[in-house]
Protein backbone atom coordinates (compact mmCIF):
# COMPACT_ATOMS: atom_id res chain seq x y z
CA MET A 1 -6.13 -11.85 11.82
CA GLU A 2 -6.89 -9.51 14.68
CA ARG A 3 -5.77 -5.91 14.44
CA ALA A 4 -4.87 -5.97 18.14
CA ASP A 5 -2.47 -8.88 17.52
CA LYS A 6 -0.74 -6.99 14.70
CA LEU A 7 -0.49 -3.85 16.82
CA GLY A 8 0.93 -5.91 19.68
CA ALA A 9 3.48 -7.45 17.32
CA LEU A 10 4.61 -4.01 16.18
CA ARG A 11 4.90 -2.85 19.80
CA HIS A 12 6.96 -5.94 20.69
CA LEU A 13 9.17 -5.35 17.65
CA GLY A 14 9.89 -1.80 18.75
CA MET A 15 10.95 -3.03 22.17
CA ALA A 16 12.91 -6.03 20.88
CA MET A 17 14.78 -4.00 18.28
CA GLN A 18 15.54 -1.12 20.64
CA ALA A 19 14.74 0.77 17.49
CA ASP A 20 16.14 4.14 16.57
CA GLY A 21 13.85 7.00 15.55
CA ALA A 22 13.75 6.14 11.85
CA VAL A 23 12.81 2.50 12.44
CA LEU A 24 10.24 3.59 15.02
CA ALA A 25 8.77 5.83 12.31
CA VAL A 26 8.35 2.77 10.06
CA LEU A 27 6.70 0.84 12.89
CA ALA A 28 4.33 3.78 13.45
CA PHE A 29 3.63 3.94 9.70
CA LEU A 30 2.79 0.23 9.72
CA ALA A 31 0.57 0.71 12.78
CA GLY A 32 -1.39 3.26 10.82
CA ARG A 33 -2.05 0.68 8.08
CA LEU A 34 -2.80 -2.41 10.16
CA ASP A 35 -5.33 -3.77 7.67
CA ARG A 36 -2.69 -3.67 4.92
CA VAL A 37 0.22 -5.12 6.95
CA HIS A 38 1.05 -8.82 6.70
CA PHE A 39 3.81 -10.63 8.58
CA VAL A 40 5.23 -13.36 6.36
CA ASN A 41 8.01 -15.94 6.12
CA ASP A 42 8.80 -15.14 2.49
CA LEU A 43 8.71 -11.69 0.83
CA GLU A 44 8.80 -13.05 -2.74
CA GLY A 45 6.30 -11.19 -4.91
CA ALA A 46 5.63 -8.29 -2.53
CA ALA A 47 5.37 -4.85 -4.10
CA LEU A 48 6.13 -3.27 -0.71
CA ALA A 49 8.44 -5.41 1.41
CA VAL A 50 10.11 -4.67 4.74
CA GLN A 51 12.65 -6.87 6.47
CA LEU A 52 13.43 -6.14 10.11
CA SER A 53 16.20 -7.74 12.12
CA VAL A 54 15.82 -8.45 15.82
CA ALA A 55 18.73 -10.88 16.05
CA PRO A 56 21.54 -9.25 18.05
CA ARG A 57 24.19 -11.74 16.89
CA ILE A 58 23.96 -10.96 13.19
CA TRP A 59 26.91 -8.83 12.15
CA PRO A 60 26.77 -6.37 10.69
CA ARG A 61 23.30 -5.97 12.06
CA VAL A 62 21.09 -4.21 9.53
CA PRO A 63 17.86 -3.56 11.41
CA PHE A 64 15.92 -2.35 8.36
CA ARG A 65 15.81 -3.28 4.70
CA ALA A 66 12.99 -2.67 2.26
CA THR A 67 12.05 -2.88 -1.38
CA VAL A 68 9.46 -0.97 -3.38
CA ASP A 69 8.56 -2.74 -6.62
CA GLY A 70 11.79 -4.71 -6.37
CA THR A 71 13.99 -1.63 -5.91
CA PRO A 72 15.97 -1.59 -2.65
CA VAL A 73 15.25 1.28 -0.27
CA HIS A 74 17.92 1.65 2.38
CA HIS A 75 16.49 4.28 4.71
CA PRO A 76 13.25 3.90 6.69
CA LEU A 77 12.08 7.45 5.97
CA ALA A 78 12.68 6.99 2.24
CA PHE A 79 10.54 3.85 2.39
CA ILE A 80 7.72 5.73 4.13
CA GLU A 81 7.91 8.49 1.52
CA ARG A 82 7.57 5.99 -1.34
CA ALA A 83 4.94 3.81 0.31
CA ALA A 84 2.70 6.48 1.84
CA LEU A 85 0.77 7.31 -1.33
CA ARG A 86 0.27 3.72 -2.43
CA ASP A 87 -2.62 1.39 -1.72
CA ASP A 88 -0.49 -1.76 -1.80
CA ASP A 89 -0.29 -4.14 1.12
CA VAL A 90 2.98 -4.07 3.07
CA TYR A 91 4.62 -7.41 3.75
CA VAL A 92 6.96 -7.63 6.72
CA ARG A 93 9.49 -10.34 7.49
CA VAL A 94 11.27 -10.34 10.83
CA ASP A 95 14.63 -12.06 11.23
CA PHE A 96 15.15 -13.50 14.70
CA GLY A 97 18.46 -15.13 13.75
CA ALA A 98 18.89 -18.59 15.24
CA ALA A 99 16.27 -17.94 17.92
CA GLU A 100 12.78 -19.35 17.68
CA PRO A 101 10.20 -16.67 16.76
CA PRO A 102 8.26 -15.68 19.91
CA PRO A 103 4.56 -16.55 20.31
CA TRP A 104 3.43 -12.96 19.66
CA TYR A 105 5.08 -13.13 16.23
CA ARG A 106 3.85 -16.63 15.38
CA ALA A 107 0.30 -15.45 16.16
CA VAL A 108 0.39 -12.96 13.27
CA LEU A 109 2.59 -14.90 10.85
CA GLN A 110 1.33 -15.89 7.40
CA GLU A 111 3.12 -18.20 5.00
CA GLY A 112 3.84 -15.77 2.17
CA VAL A 113 2.64 -13.05 -0.13
CA ASP A 114 -0.88 -13.42 -1.48
CA ASP A 115 -1.36 -13.77 -5.22
CA PRO A 116 -0.34 -10.38 -6.68
CA ARG A 117 -3.04 -10.68 -9.37
CA HIS A 118 -5.67 -10.41 -6.64
CA TYR A 119 -4.43 -6.98 -5.55
CA VAL A 120 -4.19 -5.68 -9.10
CA GLU A 121 -7.74 -6.88 -9.81
CA VAL A 122 -9.07 -5.20 -6.64
CA ALA A 123 -7.27 -1.96 -7.53
CA MET A 124 -8.66 -2.12 -11.07
CA GLN A 125 -12.18 -2.50 -9.68
CA ARG A 126 -11.68 0.61 -7.52
CA VAL A 127 -10.48 2.58 -10.56
CA ARG A 128 -13.50 1.42 -12.55
CA GLN A 129 -15.76 2.67 -9.75
CA GLU A 130 -13.98 6.03 -9.80
CA ILE A 131 -14.47 6.20 -13.59
CA ASP A 132 -18.18 5.44 -13.13
CA LEU A 133 -18.44 8.25 -10.58
CA ALA A 134 -16.67 10.70 -12.91
CA LEU A 135 -19.00 9.65 -15.75
CA ASP A 136 -22.01 10.27 -13.49
CA VAL A 137 -20.69 13.75 -12.66
CA TYR A 138 -20.14 14.47 -16.35
CA ARG A 139 -23.58 13.19 -17.35
CA THR A 140 -25.35 15.16 -14.57
CA ALA A 141 -23.46 18.39 -15.27
CA ASN A 142 -24.14 18.07 -18.98
CA GLU A 143 -27.89 17.58 -18.39
CA LEU A 144 -28.05 20.60 -16.04
CA MET A 145 -26.32 22.93 -18.53
CA ALA A 146 -29.52 23.48 -20.56
CA SER A 147 -31.55 24.80 -17.63
CA ALA A 148 -28.80 26.61 -15.66
CA ASP A 149 -28.28 30.35 -15.39
CA GLU A 150 -24.92 31.89 -16.38
CA GLU A 151 -23.37 31.66 -12.91
CA ASP A 152 -24.28 27.97 -12.59
CA ARG A 153 -23.05 27.31 -16.14
CA ALA A 154 -19.57 28.51 -15.20
CA TYR A 155 -19.50 26.03 -12.35
CA LEU A 156 -20.95 23.25 -14.54
CA ARG A 157 -18.30 23.91 -17.24
CA PHE A 158 -15.66 23.54 -14.54
CA ALA A 159 -17.29 20.26 -13.37
CA LEU A 160 -17.36 18.97 -16.96
CA GLN A 161 -13.68 19.80 -17.51
CA LYS A 162 -12.72 18.22 -14.17
CA ALA A 163 -14.73 15.07 -14.94
CA GLN A 164 -13.12 14.77 -18.39
CA ALA A 165 -9.63 15.17 -16.91
CA ASP A 166 -10.41 12.60 -14.21
CA ILE A 167 -11.76 10.12 -16.76
CA ARG A 168 -8.61 10.49 -18.90
CA ALA A 169 -6.28 10.08 -15.91
CA LEU A 170 -8.21 7.13 -14.51
CA SER A 171 -8.37 5.46 -17.94
CA ASN A 172 -4.58 5.78 -18.23
CA ARG A 173 -4.20 4.31 -14.75
CA LEU A 174 -6.52 1.44 -15.65
CA GLU A 175 -4.53 0.74 -18.81
CA THR A 176 -1.30 0.62 -16.77
CA MET A 177 -2.90 -1.80 -14.33
CA GLN A 178 -4.10 -4.01 -17.18
CA MET A 179 -0.53 -4.21 -18.48
CA GLN A 180 0.67 -5.00 -14.97
CA LEU A 181 -1.95 -7.73 -14.68
CA SER A 182 -0.94 -9.26 -18.01
CA ARG A 183 2.69 -9.36 -16.82
CA THR A 184 1.69 -11.28 -13.67
CA GLU A 185 -0.23 -13.82 -15.73
CA THR A 186 2.76 -14.73 -17.89
């Protein structure tokens, strides 16, 4: 899917919704993450899900709804706050009411959410790479300790402590992801 098509869809949504500032902020947030934004028919299984309403005849018209890990988030800025520090893909469904979705929306539309196991596995691979990097830092700093002068040793001790803390934190994160992956497999 072309990034330009997704950006065009977000621009059209802003115009079609006559969006207020908070919804425009969400559209801008999504524009900043084009590679992680997917327009879908069904939000089932999405960790980060946004539903936008363009249909003027729906009453009461709720232009924005979202969920983060299944928990409803009712304000666009609260959604941005919760989603900003995550690496998850954002799935967006647009409700056009009884009207046929326009061509600019159909051009970016996917059927549904990709297999959630895939995203967990990709995230786990990234964490493993970060652990490998921290282990390399630890190993290198440890080897340099023997030949370093006192000033360099202070820095190397700091690097060793930082690498150990990173390895512990990343290992905990990896364990959490493994539990999450086992839940998706059942």
